[in-house]
């Protein structure tokens, strides 16, 4: 069913990392325990530190975790923890599919910068010049917002993104779809948060607009351009845009959410959601994400000039700094300091029940990707603990690989 209204029936959610599930409900640390009795599949190669960091996440109440470290010097290292679902309690598949949520933004940004390299777009183009009349009203002015502002979350647009507020709301609306125009109209019902280019605030609507620009420039939907320019050339055979299909390919873990403290644990694996409109719609695997990031930082997807533009960063907001210490935002990628020296690049994503984290070394040689399924969070302290454990996993994996 397609939503045909632009009113705001559900509260907005920031679809990235842990802020995406701040309202998810109570943490279920006792659901699995630190040493859930499940069969482990460690994939092509084991990595004791990676496994310990995965186990630390399940000890915090994450239902299932899969992680993969990819590099040029041998088979991938994989680790899994928890269970694929709370009924069968089978092991989490090391090669499972999952919704990558806002990691999709890195794919979209790459296509935009390819179009810049082709001379079909400029970072200084305004929204109005590419999408006349789309950003206007209530103080919103597309003439003052550039492509660079959208890529770097400096547009000032107020994010009013659809979300589910209860288990009943999820069951009623999980198959709703939203056009890009409807999503942008929700934002236009609000005044901007600040003048374009003056501050930083994570904004999903900006990437919806970028998807609309890609289609206006190329004549093809954003996901088709991602497929033709990135997925097929790199052989990412397990990365796709699901459209309005609410199901995930097999194999995959189930994911869960508590919508209120003390409420039931709801299986939210199958849903359509707002990802159909161009902001957070891809499904992938840890192997494909590692391959994509290594190709991107290795210079296989962008010319040197555009890759350098992608890596021009600005400070993130205070809320993000608390969860992502040292993070700076480029154009579709964040940089983070490594404890062993230097920085890594990546993007993170959060959707109903899912959290995805990625990282790749600056030379593109090594990458790590981790998917958390069934993240039930009670409050800010739980958010901070899971964020810290997730950050440690990425840092440990890249530094461990760097030391070898």
Foldseek 3Di string as FASTA:
>chain_A
DADDDLDFPAFDAQWFALSRCQLQAAACLVLAALARPEDWDFPPDADVVLQVLQSLLVNRRFQKKKKWKDFDPDDITITMDHALDSPVRYTFDNWAKDFQFQLVLLLLLLLVLVCVVVVLFDQADFLCVQPNPLFDAQATDSVQAGNQLLLFQQQQFDQGFHDAQAPVSCVVPQLYEYALSSRSVNSNVYHGRDHGPPAHDRHLNSQLSSQVSVCSRPVDGSQVSSCVQPCVVLVQVFKHFPQSFQAHDPDGGWFWTHSYYPHDTHTNSGGRGHLNHGRRGMMHTFVSVLSRQLCLLQCNRHHPVSSVQQPDWDDHDPVVCLLQPQWTGGRSWIWHAAPVGDIWIGTWTHHHQKIKTKTAHNNSRMIMIMMGGHGYHHHDVSSNSSSVSVVVSRNCSVVVVVVD
